[in-house]
Amino acid sequence: MDTAPPPLVDRFGRVHTDLRVSLTDRCNLRCTYCMPAEGLNWLPKAEVLSDDEVVRLVRIAVRRLGISSVRLTGGEPLLRRGLPGLVARLTELGPEVSLTTNGIGLARTAVALKQAGLHRVNVSLDTLRADRYAEITRRNRIADVLAGLAAAHAAGLAPVKVNAVPVRGVNDDEIVELVEFAARHGYRMRFIESMPLDAQGAWDRGKMITADELLEILGARWDLVPVGRHGNAPAEEWRIAGTDTVVGVIASVTRPFCGGCDRVRLTADGQLRNCLFATTESDLRALLRGGAEDAGIEAAWRRTIARKGPGHDINSADFVQPDRPMSAIGG
């Protein structure tokens, strides 16, 4: 009988079971809060992990480190060629596999991804208004996103979660409307506080809609019943009284949940990050391509997690924004 691997634990006793894998740093949107209009300098293809390399690292994570959940991210992961095939290989390893996407390519891939074993999707959508979507993303693609959401729901990639980042003076007047939209279609709405991870370094705390503000807006419209947080999930949840509608709030800035963090991140070029806001990385790609055995890669992985700090310092004067923006780190 196979025995469970020793847990992937840091010096604060946090056990890590959730791996975020970025498949590309490229994106087909140019969201104003993420990157400049001209885009960024994308990674050369040779620096991006191959499918075989991704599969090997995930195999090590699952079988030797106790990882049970894998989230595929980007950039925009649907830009990865042959994604359903890669998903099938990853699900065969045993973890729950999910995907975070902007939804643009989801209508044509949802069925194939479900057949490959994908469990669920998170789709980013900050507004329901076509003109505002085009202004925020610098692309006129909201119809594709809405079609992608519907296709994911029809394919059974449930619960389909809709992620929105409310920004003061940009889309904060749509908070109630977004919840009503999600409830109407059977999706699950989540709001995420904006974070200092943009490429331009232009994040403005004053424009962030806080969790307290969100709950005040929602509470003025509905009676909210606390659901709490499921395990180490980042979202605190509330149910609208008398309904099955659940709304989540991810308050990384004002209500940090670092004490229960169980996540580790792998970038598209094979760099291991023990925190979303880490300023250092461990090069697993170099070990892979240098002929390292699985045991050596496992040891490097464990050392990286052992060095993890108690939490991010966003609310400290000592905070240093990571060199990589969110599009290059992976959500």
C-alpha atoms as a PDB file:
ATOM      1  CA  MET A   1       0.000   0.000   0.000  1.00  0.00           C
ATOM      2  CA  ASP A   2       1.312   3.423  -0.915  1.00  0.00           C
ATOM      3  CA  THR A   3       2.038   5.691   2.029  1.00  0.00           C
ATOM      4  CA  ALA A   4       1.313   9.406   2.010  1.00  0.00           C
ATOM      5  CA  PRO A   5       4.384  11.577   1.412  1.00  0.00           C
ATOM      6  CA  PRO A   6       5.647  13.793   4.228  1.00  0.00           C
ATOM      7  CA  PRO A   7       3.726  17.094   4.159  1.00  0.00           C
ATOM      8  CA  LEU A   8       5.152  20.153   2.452  1.00  0.00           C
ATOM      9  CA  VAL A   9       5.410  22.308   5.546  1.00  0.00           C
ATOM     10  CA  ASP A  10       7.027  25.657   6.361  1.00  0.00           C
ATOM     11  CA  ARG A  11       8.614  26.844   9.605  1.00  0.00           C
ATOM     12  CA  PHE A  12       5.253  28.153  10.814  1.00  0.00           C
ATOM     13  CA  GLY A  13       3.595  24.761  10.493  1.00  0.00           C
ATOM     14  CA  ARG A  14       1.522  25.602   7.411  1.00  0.00           C
ATOM     15  CA  VAL A  15       0.967  22.560   5.186  1.00  0.00           C
ATOM     16  CA  HIS A  16       0.966  23.321   1.457  1.00  0.00           C
ATOM     17  CA  THR A  17      -1.425  21.317  -0.721  1.00  0.00           C
ATOM     18  CA  ASP A  18      -2.397  23.854  -3.427  1.00  0.00           C
ATOM     19  CA  LEU A  19      -0.139  24.445  -6.447  1.00  0.00           C
ATOM     20  CA  ARG A  20      -0.700  27.285  -8.910  1.00  0.00           C
ATOM     21  CA  VAL A  21       0.954  26.583 -12.267  1.00  0.00           C
ATOM     22  CA  SER A  22       1.341  29.395 -14.798  1.00  0.00           C
ATOM     23  CA  LEU A  23       1.357  28.002 -18.336  1.00  0.00           C
ATOM     24  CA  THR A  24       2.250  31.243 -20.118  1.00  0.00           C
ATOM     25  CA  ASP A  25       2.936  34.882 -19.342  1.00  0.00           C
ATOM     26  CA  ARG A  26       1.163  35.954 -22.544  1.00  0.00           C
ATOM     27  CA  CYS A  27      -2.302  37.458 -22.529  1.00  0.00           C
ATOM     28  CA  ASN A  28      -4.781  38.563 -25.183  1.00  0.00           C
ATOM     29  CA  LEU A  29      -6.080  41.444 -23.048  1.00  0.00           C
ATOM     30  CA  ARG A  30      -4.308  44.597 -21.903  1.00  0.00           C
ATOM     31  CA  CYS A  31      -6.178  45.377 -18.683  1.00  0.00           C
ATOM     32  CA  THR A  32      -5.345  48.827 -17.422  1.00  0.00           C
ATOM     33  CA  TYR A  33      -4.702  47.609 -13.857  1.00  0.00           C
ATOM     34  CA  CYS A  34      -2.353  44.869 -15.057  1.00  0.00           C
ATOM     35  CA  MET A  35      -0.133  46.019 -17.921  1.00  0.00           C
ATOM     36  CA  PRO A  36       0.524  48.858 -20.364  1.00  0.00           C
ATOM     37  CA  ALA A  37      -1.358  49.134 -23.660  1.00  0.00           C
ATOM     38  CA  GLU A  38       1.615  47.843 -25.653  1.00  0.00           C
ATOM     39  CA  GLY A  39       1.883  44.715 -23.517  1.00  0.00           C
ATOM     40  CA  LEU A  40       5.079  43.366 -21.987  1.00  0.00           C
ATOM     41  CA  ASN A  41       8.236  41.605 -23.131  1.00  0.00           C
ATOM     42  CA  TRP A  42       7.006  38.009 -23.252  1.00  0.00           C
ATOM     43  CA  LEU A  43       9.186  35.073 -22.305  1.00  0.00           C
ATOM     44  CA  PRO A  44      11.035  33.458 -25.222  1.00  0.00           C
ATOM     45  CA  LYS A  45       9.503  30.082 -26.068  1.00  0.00           C
ATOM     46  CA  ALA A  46      12.695  28.249 -25.101  1.00  0.00           C
ATOM     47  CA  GLU A  47      12.408  29.561 -21.542  1.00  0.00           C
ATOM     48  CA  VAL A  48       8.844  28.327 -21.046  1.00  0.00           C
ATOM     49  CA  LEU A  49       8.402  24.883 -19.521  1.00  0.00           C
ATOM     50  CA  SER A  50       7.389  22.181 -21.999  1.00  0.00           C
ATOM     51  CA  ASP A  51       4.377  19.953 -21.367  1.00  0.00           C
ATOM     52  CA  ASP A  52       6.684  17.139 -20.280  1.00  0.00           C
ATOM     53  CA  GLU A  53       8.445  19.445 -17.813  1.00  0.00           C
ATOM     54  CA  VAL A  54       5.154  20.681 -16.361  1.00  0.00           C
ATOM     55  CA  VAL A  55       3.909  17.121 -15.974  1.00  0.00           C
ATOM     56  CA  ARG A  56       7.109  16.007 -14.279  1.00  0.00           C
ATOM     57  CA  LEU A  57       7.030  18.853 -11.760  1.00  0.00           C
ATOM     58  CA  VAL A  58       3.367  18.257 -10.982  1.00  0.00           C
ATOM     59  CA  ARG A  59       4.062  14.522 -10.597  1.00  0.00           C
ATOM     60  CA  ILE A  60       6.776  15.324  -8.061  1.00  0.00           C
ATOM     61  CA  ALA A  61       4.448  17.745  -6.291  1.00  0.00           C
ATOM     62  CA  VAL A  62       1.611  15.226  -6.048  1.00  0.00           C
ATOM     63  CA  ARG A  63       3.526  12.043  -5.293  1.00  0.00           C
ATOM     64  CA  ARG A  64       6.412  13.342  -3.208  1.00  0.00           C
ATOM     65  CA  LEU A  65       5.067  16.567  -1.658  1.00  0.00           C
ATOM     66  CA  GLY A  66       1.394  15.922  -1.009  1.00  0.00           C
ATOM     67  CA  ILE A  67      -0.078  18.459  -3.418  1.00  0.00           C
ATOM     68  CA  SER A  68      -3.777  17.673  -3.962  1.00  0.00           C
ATOM     69  CA  SER A  69      -5.018  20.692  -5.926  1.00  0.00           C
ATOM     70  CA  VAL A  70      -3.541  22.248  -9.087  1.00  0.00           C
ATOM     71  CA  ARG A  71      -4.770  25.548 -10.537  1.00  0.00           C
ATOM     72  CA  LEU A  72      -3.657  26.380 -14.083  1.00  0.00           C
ATOM     73  CA  THR A  73      -3.119  30.090 -14.652  1.00  0.00           C
ATOM     74  CA  GLY A  74      -1.337  32.580 -16.899  1.00  0.00           C
ATOM     75  CA  GLY A  75      -1.118  35.171 -18.392  1.00  0.00           C
ATOM     76  CA  GLU A  76      -4.018  33.582 -20.192  1.00  0.00           C
ATOM     77  CA  PRO A  77      -3.722  29.768 -20.012  1.00  0.00           C
ATOM     78  CA  LEU A  78      -6.122  29.164 -22.913  1.00  0.00           C
ATOM     79  CA  LEU A  79      -3.362  30.538 -25.161  1.00  0.00           C
ATOM     80  CA  ARG A  80      -1.330  27.411 -24.404  1.00  0.00           C
ATOM     81  CA  ARG A  81      -1.339  25.112 -27.439  1.00  0.00           C
ATOM     82  CA  GLY A  82      -2.720  21.644 -26.785  1.00  0.00           C
ATOM     83  CA  LEU A  83      -4.124  22.573 -23.381  1.00  0.00           C
ATOM     84  CA  PRO A  84      -6.741  19.767 -23.196  1.00  0.00           C
ATOM     85  CA  GLY A  85      -4.011  17.195 -23.712  1.00  0.00           C
ATOM     86  CA  LEU A  86      -1.921  18.681 -20.926  1.00  0.00           C
ATOM     87  CA  VAL A  87      -4.947  18.809 -18.623  1.00  0.00           C
ATOM     88  CA  ALA A  88      -5.613  15.128 -19.285  1.00  0.00           C
ATOM     89  CA  ARG A  89      -2.047  14.224 -18.350  1.00  0.00           C
ATOM     90  CA  LEU A  90      -2.257  16.246 -15.135  1.00  0.00           C
ATOM     91  CA  THR A  91      -5.610  14.860 -14.016  1.00  0.00           C
ATOM     92  CA  GLU A  92      -4.251  11.331 -14.491  1.00  0.00           C
ATOM     93  CA  LEU A  93      -1.807  12.122 -11.675  1.00  0.00           C
ATOM     94  CA  GLY A  94      -4.708  12.453  -9.245  1.00  0.00           C
ATOM     95  CA  PRO A  95      -5.052  16.101  -8.146  1.00  0.00           C
ATOM     96  CA  GLU A  96      -8.116  18.259  -8.612  1.00  0.00           C
ATOM     97  CA  VAL A  97      -7.281  20.454 -11.610  1.00  0.00           C
ATOM     98  CA  SER A  98      -8.940  23.844 -12.140  1.00  0.00           C
ATOM     99  CA  LEU A  99      -8.316  26.830 -14.403  1.00  0.00           C
ATOM    100  CA  THR A 100      -8.314  30.613 -14.067  1.00  0.00           C
ATOM    101  CA  THR A 101      -9.026  32.376 -17.374  1.00  0.00           C
ATOM    102  CA  ASN A 102     -10.266  35.598 -18.908  1.00  0.00           C
ATOM    103  CA  GLY A 103     -12.832  33.446 -20.694  1.00  0.00           C
ATOM    104  CA  ILE A 104     -12.216  34.670 -24.229  1.00  0.00           C
ATOM    105  CA  GLY A 105     -11.366  31.232 -25.631  1.00  0.00           C
ATOM    106  CA  LEU A 106     -13.601  29.236 -23.319  1.00  0.00           C
ATOM    107  CA  ALA A 107     -16.604  28.807 -25.626  1.00  0.00           C
ATOM    108  CA  ARG A 108     -14.561  26.697 -28.056  1.00  0.00           C
ATOM    109  CA  THR A 109     -12.598  24.742 -25.426  1.00  0.00           C
ATOM    110  CA  ALA A 110     -14.966  24.131 -22.482  1.00  0.00           C
ATOM    111  CA  VAL A 111     -16.214  20.726 -23.663  1.00  0.00           C
ATOM    112  CA  ALA A 112     -12.732  19.464 -24.509  1.00  0.00           C
ATOM    113  CA  LEU A 113     -11.387  20.634 -21.153  1.00  0.00           C
ATOM    114  CA  LYS A 114     -14.221  18.921 -19.287  1.00  0.00           C
ATOM    115  CA  GLN A 115     -13.619  15.715 -21.235  1.00  0.00           C
ATOM    116  CA  ALA A 116      -9.924  15.980 -20.350  1.00  0.00           C
ATOM    117  CA  GLY A 117     -10.831  15.956 -16.659  1.00  0.00           C
ATOM    118  CA  LEU A 118     -10.800  19.648 -15.734  1.00  0.00           C
ATOM    119  CA  HIS A 119     -12.910  20.143 -12.612  1.00  0.00           C
ATOM    120  CA  ARG A 120     -13.907  23.824 -12.702  1.00  0.00           C
ATOM    121  CA  VAL A 121     -13.045  27.304 -13.934  1.00  0.00           C
ATOM    122  CA  ASN A 122     -12.694  30.820 -12.545  1.00  0.00           C
ATOM    123  CA  VAL A 123     -13.422  33.538 -15.112  1.00  0.00           C
ATOM    124  CA  SER A 124     -12.341  37.165 -14.738  1.00  0.00           C
ATOM    125  CA  LEU A 125     -15.060  39.683 -15.564  1.00  0.00           C
ATOM    126  CA  ASP A 126     -14.953  43.165 -14.066  1.00  0.00           C
ATOM    127  CA  THR A 127     -17.976  44.685 -15.796  1.00  0.00           C
ATOM    128  CA  LEU A 128     -21.131  43.764 -17.683  1.00  0.00           C
ATOM    129  CA  ARG A 129     -21.038  46.838 -19.920  1.00  0.00           C
ATOM    130  CA  ALA A 130     -19.453  46.422 -23.334  1.00  0.00           C
ATOM    131  CA  ASP A 131     -18.061  49.954 -23.525  1.00  0.00           C
ATOM    132  CA  ARG A 132     -16.569  49.728 -20.053  1.00  0.00           C
ATOM    133  CA  TYR A 133     -15.120  46.281 -20.729  1.00  0.00           C
ATOM    134  CA  ALA A 134     -13.377  47.655 -23.808  1.00  0.00           C
ATOM    135  CA  GLU A 135     -12.050  50.575 -21.778  1.00  0.00           C
ATOM    136  CA  ILE A 136     -10.712  48.381 -18.971  1.00  0.00           C
ATOM    137  CA  THR A 137      -9.238  45.616 -21.147  1.00  0.00           C
ATOM    138  CA  ARG A 138      -8.456  47.666 -24.266  1.00  0.00           C
ATOM    139  CA  ARG A 139     -10.194  44.909 -26.235  1.00  0.00           C
ATOM    140  CA  ASN A 140     -13.815  44.584 -27.434  1.00  0.00           C
ATOM    141  CA  ARG A 141     -14.309  40.959 -26.353  1.00  0.00           C
ATOM    142  CA  ILE A 142     -17.048  40.887 -23.712  1.00  0.00           C
ATOM    143  CA  ALA A 143     -19.354  38.837 -25.949  1.00  0.00           C
ATOM    144  CA  ASP A 144     -16.711  36.114 -26.089  1.00  0.00           C
ATOM    145  CA  VAL A 145     -16.403  36.093 -22.298  1.00  0.00           C
ATOM    146  CA  LEU A 146     -20.161  35.805 -21.777  1.00  0.00           C
ATOM    147  CA  ALA A 147     -20.294  32.974 -24.310  1.00  0.00           C
ATOM    148  CA  GLY A 148     -17.391  31.292 -22.531  1.00  0.00           C
ATOM    149  CA  LEU A 149     -19.145  31.465 -19.174  1.00  0.00           C
ATOM    150  CA  ALA A 150     -22.274  29.899 -20.645  1.00  0.00           C
ATOM    151  CA  ALA A 151     -20.244  27.157 -22.343  1.00  0.00           C
ATOM    152  CA  ALA A 152     -18.351  26.323 -19.138  1.00  0.00           C
ATOM    153  CA  HIS A 153     -21.620  26.088 -17.199  1.00  0.00           C
ATOM    154  CA  ALA A 154     -23.204  23.892 -19.874  1.00  0.00           C
ATOM    155  CA  ALA A 155     -20.149  21.626 -19.945  1.00  0.00           C
ATOM    156  CA  GLY A 156     -20.385  21.028 -16.196  1.00  0.00           C
ATOM    157  CA  LEU A 157     -17.273  22.920 -15.117  1.00  0.00           C
ATOM    158  CA  ALA A 158     -19.052  23.831 -11.905  1.00  0.00           C
ATOM    159  CA  PRO A 159     -19.204  25.856  -9.897  1.00  0.00           C
ATOM    160  CA  VAL A 160     -18.306  28.467 -12.493  1.00  0.00           C
ATOM    161  CA  LYS A 161     -16.804  31.309 -10.481  1.00  0.00           C
ATOM    162  CA  VAL A 162     -16.761  34.887 -11.745  1.00  0.00           C
ATOM    163  CA  ASN A 163     -13.930  37.045 -10.390  1.00  0.00           C
ATOM    164  CA  ALA A 164     -14.168  40.836 -10.382  1.00  0.00           C
ATOM    165  CA  VAL A 165     -11.748  43.453  -9.088  1.00  0.00           C
ATOM    166  CA  PRO A 166     -13.798  46.520  -8.074  1.00  0.00           C
ATOM    167  CA  VAL A 167     -11.959  49.812  -8.476  1.00  0.00           C
ATOM    168  CA  ARG A 168     -13.234  53.137  -7.258  1.00  0.00           C
ATOM    169  CA  GLY A 169     -14.604  55.275 -10.059  1.00  0.00           C
ATOM    170  CA  VAL A 170     -14.172  52.478 -12.595  1.00  0.00           C
ATOM    171  CA  ASN A 171     -16.659  49.684 -11.923  1.00  0.00           C
ATOM    172  CA  ASP A 172     -17.692  50.011  -8.277  1.00  0.00           C
ATOM    173  CA  ASP A 173     -21.214  50.979  -9.341  1.00  0.00           C
ATOM    174  CA  GLU A 174     -21.758  47.451 -10.744  1.00  0.00           C
ATOM    175  CA  ILE A 175     -21.199  45.401  -7.585  1.00  0.00           C
ATOM    176  CA  VAL A 176     -24.871  44.572  -7.005  1.00  0.00           C
ATOM    177  CA  GLU A 177     -25.473  44.120 -10.732  1.00  0.00           C
ATOM    178  CA  LEU A 178     -22.649  41.588 -11.000  1.00  0.00           C
ATOM    179  CA  VAL A 179     -24.072  39.523  -8.130  1.00  0.00           C
ATOM    180  CA  GLU A 180     -27.512  39.538  -9.748  1.00  0.00           C
ATOM    181  CA  PHE A 181     -25.992  38.478 -13.067  1.00  0.00           C
ATOM    182  CA  ALA A 182     -24.118  35.572 -11.474  1.00  0.00           C
ATOM    183  CA  ALA A 183     -27.170  34.412  -9.519  1.00  0.00           C
ATOM    184  CA  ARG A 184     -29.353  34.567 -12.608  1.00  0.00           C
ATOM    185  CA  HIS A 185     -27.018  32.296 -14.572  1.00  0.00           C
ATOM    186  CA  GLY A 186     -26.021  29.910 -11.801  1.00  0.00           C
ATOM    187  CA  TYR A 187     -22.478  31.238 -11.419  1.00  0.00           C
ATOM    188  CA  ARG A 188     -20.732  32.112  -8.156  1.00  0.00           C
ATOM    189  CA  MET A 189     -19.593  35.717  -7.764  1.00  0.00           C
ATOM    190  CA  ARG A 190     -16.318  36.658  -6.063  1.00  0.00           C
ATOM    191  CA  PHE A 191     -14.849  40.096  -5.516  1.00  0.00           C
ATOM    192  CA  ILE A 192     -11.091  40.547  -5.114  1.00  0.00           C
ATOM    193  CA  GLU A 193      -9.408  43.556  -3.545  1.00  0.00           C
ATOM    194  CA  SER A 194      -6.983  45.127  -6.005  1.00  0.00           C
ATOM    195  CA  MET A 195      -3.353  44.363  -5.191  1.00  0.00           C
ATOM    196  CA  PRO A 196       0.005  45.988  -5.989  1.00  0.00           C
ATOM    197  CA  LEU A 197       0.980  43.552  -8.740  1.00  0.00           C
ATOM    198  CA  ASP A 198       0.634  45.692 -11.865  1.00  0.00           C
ATOM    199  CA  ALA A 199       3.521  46.036 -14.296  1.00  0.00           C
ATOM    200  CA  GLN A 200       3.374  49.837 -14.188  1.00  0.00           C
ATOM    201  CA  GLY A 201       3.685  50.114 -10.402  1.00  0.00           C
ATOM    202  CA  ALA A 202       0.700  52.467 -10.436  1.00  0.00           C
ATOM    203  CA  TRP A 203      -1.441  50.704  -7.813  1.00  0.00           C
ATOM    204  CA  ASP A 204      -3.364  53.237  -5.748  1.00  0.00           C
ATOM    205  CA  ARG A 205      -4.650  52.105  -2.351  1.00  0.00           C
ATOM    206  CA  GLY A 206      -7.198  54.908  -2.423  1.00  0.00           C
ATOM    207  CA  LYS A 207      -8.904  53.363  -5.464  1.00  0.00           C
ATOM    208  CA  MET A 208      -9.202  49.936  -3.860  1.00  0.00           C
ATOM    209  CA  ILE A 209     -12.708  48.966  -2.791  1.00  0.00           C
ATOM    210  CA  THR A 210     -12.151  47.233   0.548  1.00  0.00           C
ATOM    211  CA  ALA A 211     -13.960  44.175   1.865  1.00  0.00           C
ATOM    212  CA  ASP A 212     -15.766  46.363   4.411  1.00  0.00           C
ATOM    213  CA  GLU A 213     -17.009  48.641   1.636  1.00  0.00           C
ATOM    214  CA  LEU A 214     -18.130  45.688  -0.461  1.00  0.00           C
ATOM    215  CA  LEU A 215     -20.078  44.190   2.412  1.00  0.00           C
ATOM    216  CA  GLU A 216     -21.672  47.536   3.163  1.00  0.00           C
ATOM    217  CA  ILE A 217     -22.859  47.825  -0.451  1.00  0.00           C
ATOM    218  CA  LEU A 218     -24.127  44.249  -0.550  1.00  0.00           C
ATOM    219  CA  GLY A 219     -25.656  44.503   2.905  1.00  0.00           C
ATOM    220  CA  ALA A 220     -27.664  47.534   1.843  1.00  0.00           C
ATOM    221  CA  ARG A 221     -29.295  45.401  -0.841  1.00  0.00           C
ATOM    222  CA  TRP A 222     -29.588  41.989   0.840  1.00  0.00           C
ATOM    223  CA  ASP A 223     -29.431  40.297   4.223  1.00  0.00           C
ATOM    224  CA  LEU A 224     -26.115  38.439   4.276  1.00  0.00           C
ATOM    225  CA  VAL A 225     -25.570  35.232   6.230  1.00  0.00           C
ATOM    226  CA  PRO A 226     -21.899  34.448   6.948  1.00  0.00           C
ATOM    227  CA  VAL A 227     -20.737  31.154   5.478  1.00  0.00           C
ATOM    228  CA  GLY A 228     -17.137  31.677   6.498  1.00  0.00           C
ATOM    229  CA  ARG A 229     -14.154  30.221   4.718  1.00  0.00           C
ATOM    230  CA  HIS A 230     -13.825  26.658   3.462  1.00  0.00           C
ATOM    231  CA  GLY A 231     -10.574  25.302   4.852  1.00  0.00           C
ATOM    232  CA  ASN A 232      -7.691  27.440   3.628  1.00  0.00           C
ATOM    233  CA  ALA A 233      -9.618  28.922   0.691  1.00  0.00           C
ATOM    234  CA  PRO A 234      -8.826  32.618   0.144  1.00  0.00           C
ATOM    235  CA  ALA A 235     -12.452  33.730  -0.106  1.00  0.00           C
ATOM    236  CA  GLU A 236     -14.682  34.566   2.821  1.00  0.00           C
ATOM    237  CA  GLU A 237     -18.247  33.772   1.783  1.00  0.00           C
ATOM    238  CA  TRP A 238     -21.725  35.070   2.514  1.00  0.00           C
ATOM    239  CA  ARG A 239     -25.079  33.656   1.451  1.00  0.00           C
ATOM    240  CA  ILE A 240     -27.923  35.940   0.497  1.00  0.00           C
ATOM    241  CA  ALA A 241     -30.659  35.102   3.014  1.00  0.00           C
ATOM    242  CA  GLY A 242     -33.513  33.052   1.620  1.00  0.00           C
ATOM    243  CA  THR A 243     -31.543  31.998  -1.453  1.00  0.00           C
ATOM    244  CA  ASP A 244     -28.743  29.643  -2.498  1.00  0.00           C
ATOM    245  CA  THR A 245     -26.686  32.562  -3.840  1.00  0.00           C
ATOM    246  CA  VAL A 246     -23.212  32.737  -2.304  1.00  0.00           C
ATOM    247  CA  VAL A 247     -20.870  35.720  -2.694  1.00  0.00           C
ATOM    248  CA  GLY A 248     -17.158  35.516  -1.954  1.00  0.00           C
ATOM    249  CA  VAL A 249     -14.733  38.268  -0.981  1.00  0.00           C
ATOM    250  CA  ILE A 250     -10.967  37.848  -1.258  1.00  0.00           C
ATOM    251  CA  ALA A 251      -9.477  40.574   0.899  1.00  0.00           C
ATOM    252  CA  SER A 252      -5.746  40.032   0.515  1.00  0.00           C
ATOM    253  CA  VAL A 253      -4.952  43.603   1.530  1.00  0.00           C
ATOM    254  CA  THR A 254      -7.311  44.500   4.376  1.00  0.00           C
ATOM    255  CA  ARG A 255      -8.005  41.032   5.787  1.00  0.00           C
ATOM    256  CA  PRO A 256      -4.838  39.022   5.062  1.00  0.00           C
ATOM    257  CA  PHE A 257      -5.231  35.254   5.335  1.00  0.00           C
ATOM    258  CA  CYS A 258      -1.515  34.479   5.278  1.00  0.00           C
ATOM    259  CA  GLY A 259      -1.737  32.490   8.531  1.00  0.00           C
ATOM    260  CA  GLY A 260      -3.646  29.749   6.726  1.00  0.00           C
ATOM    261  CA  CYS A 261      -1.924  29.953   3.342  1.00  0.00           C
ATOM    262  CA  ASP A 262      -1.460  26.559   1.701  1.00  0.00           C
ATOM    263  CA  ARG A 263      -0.392  27.788  -1.750  1.00  0.00           C
ATOM    264  CA  VAL A 264       2.824  27.600  -3.726  1.00  0.00           C
ATOM    265  CA  ARG A 265       3.360  28.984  -7.223  1.00  0.00           C
ATOM    266  CA  LEU A 266       5.268  27.823 -10.284  1.00  0.00           C
ATOM    267  CA  THR A 267       5.874  30.363 -13.047  1.00  0.00           C
ATOM    268  CA  ALA A 268       5.756  29.561 -16.750  1.00  0.00           C
ATOM    269  CA  ASP A 269       9.559  29.539 -16.873  1.00  0.00           C
ATOM    270  CA  GLY A 270       9.891  27.104 -13.990  1.00  0.00           C
ATOM    271  CA  GLN A 271      10.578  29.420 -11.079  1.00  0.00           C
ATOM    272  CA  LEU A 272       9.132  28.362  -7.731  1.00  0.00           C
ATOM    273  CA  ARG A 273       7.612  31.093  -5.544  1.00  0.00           C
ATOM    274  CA  ASN A 274       6.577  30.484  -1.950  1.00  0.00           C
ATOM    275  CA  CYS A 275       4.355  33.587  -1.866  1.00  0.00           C
ATOM    276  CA  LEU A 276       2.456  35.653  -4.411  1.00  0.00           C
ATOM    277  CA  PHE A 277       4.464  38.645  -3.204  1.00  0.00           C
ATOM    278  CA  ALA A 278       7.834  36.871  -2.953  1.00  0.00           C
ATOM    279  CA  THR A 279      10.875  38.837  -4.088  1.00  0.00           C
ATOM    280  CA  THR A 280      13.009  35.716  -4.582  1.00  0.00           C
ATOM    281  CA  GLU A 281      12.465  32.521  -6.589  1.00  0.00           C
ATOM    282  CA  SER A 282      13.976  29.042  -6.866  1.00  0.00           C
ATOM    283  CA  ASP A 283      14.947  27.835 -10.329  1.00  0.00           C
ATOM    284  CA  LEU A 284      13.402  24.398 -10.835  1.00  0.00           C
ATOM    285  CA  ARG A 285      13.798  24.651 -14.597  1.00  0.00           C
ATOM    286  CA  ALA A 286      17.576  24.675 -14.228  1.00  0.00           C
ATOM    287  CA  LEU A 287      17.385  21.526 -12.125  1.00  0.00           C
ATOM    288  CA  LEU A 288      15.107  19.836 -14.667  1.00  0.00           C
ATOM    289  CA  ARG A 289      17.283  20.690 -17.616  1.00  0.00           C
ATOM    290  CA  GLY A 290      20.465  19.974 -15.678  1.00  0.00           C
ATOM    291  CA  GLY A 291      19.522  16.341 -15.167  1.00  0.00           C
ATOM    292  CA  ALA A 292      18.478  16.467 -11.504  1.00  0.00           C
ATOM    293  CA  GLU A 293      16.771  13.421 -10.031  1.00  0.00           C
ATOM    294  CA  ASP A 294      13.277  13.722  -8.585  1.00  0.00           C
ATOM    295  CA  ALA A 295      14.709  13.592  -5.056  1.00  0.00           C
ATOM    296  CA  GLY A 296      16.895  16.620  -5.755  1.00  0.00           C
ATOM    297  CA  ILE A 297      13.974  18.609  -7.109  1.00  0.00           C
ATOM    298  CA  GLU A 298      11.868  17.578  -4.119  1.00  0.00           C
ATOM    299  CA  ALA A 299      14.602  18.752  -1.754  1.00  0.00           C
ATOM    300  CA  ALA A 300      14.867  22.134  -3.501  1.00  0.00           C
ATOM    301  CA  TRP A 301      11.081  22.501  -3.334  1.00  0.00           C
ATOM    302  CA  ARG A 302      11.052  21.757   0.404  1.00  0.00           C
ATOM    303  CA  ARG A 303      13.873  24.239   1.066  1.00  0.00           C
ATOM    304  CA  THR A 304      11.940  26.959  -0.750  1.00  0.00           C
ATOM    305  CA  ILE A 305       8.810  26.382   1.334  1.00  0.00           C
ATOM    306  CA  ALA A 306      10.848  26.179   4.534  1.00  0.00           C
ATOM    307  CA  ARG A 307      12.019  29.767   3.874  1.00  0.00           C
ATOM    308  CA  LYS A 308       8.484  31.125   3.535  1.00  0.00           C
ATOM    309  CA  GLY A 309       7.804  34.187   5.642  1.00  0.00           C
ATOM    310  CA  PRO A 310       4.853  34.714   7.994  1.00  0.00           C
ATOM    311  CA  GLY A 311       2.983  36.812   5.433  1.00  0.00           C
ATOM    312  CA  HIS A 312       3.119  39.616   2.911  1.00  0.00           C
ATOM    313  CA  ASP A 313       4.008  43.171   3.976  1.00  0.00           C
ATOM    314  CA  ILE A 314       1.508  45.126   1.866  1.00  0.00           C
ATOM    315  CA  ASN A 315       0.429  47.103   4.907  1.00  0.00           C
ATOM    316  CA  SER A 316       3.984  47.755   6.059  1.00  0.00           C
ATOM    317  CA  ALA A 317       6.307  50.613   5.179  1.00  0.00           C
ATOM    318  CA  ASP A 318       8.849  47.902   4.327  1.00  0.00           C
ATOM    319  CA  PHE A 319       6.730  46.423   1.509  1.00  0.00           C
ATOM    320  CA  VAL A 320       8.590  45.863  -1.754  1.00  0.00           C
ATOM    321  CA  GLN A 321       6.515  45.095  -4.846  1.00  0.00           C
ATOM    322  CA  PRO A 322       7.735  41.975  -6.701  1.00  0.00           C
ATOM    323  CA  ASP A 323       9.710  42.532  -9.887  1.00  0.00           C
ATOM    324  CA  ARG A 324       7.269  40.350 -11.798  1.00  0.00           C
ATOM    325  CA  PRO A 325       3.710  41.547 -12.395  1.00  0.00           C
ATOM    326  CA  MET A 326       0.713  39.267 -11.835  1.00  0.00           C
ATOM    327  CA  SER A 327       0.629  38.272 -15.515  1.00  0.00           C
ATOM    328  CA  ALA A 328       4.116  36.798 -15.185  1.00  0.00           C
ATOM    329  CA  ILE A 329       3.620  35.242 -11.754  1.00  0.00           C
ATOM    330  CA  GLY A 330       0.301  33.521 -12.307  1.00  0.00           C
ATOM    331  CA  GLY A 331      -2.816  34.017 -10.200  1.00  0.00           C
END
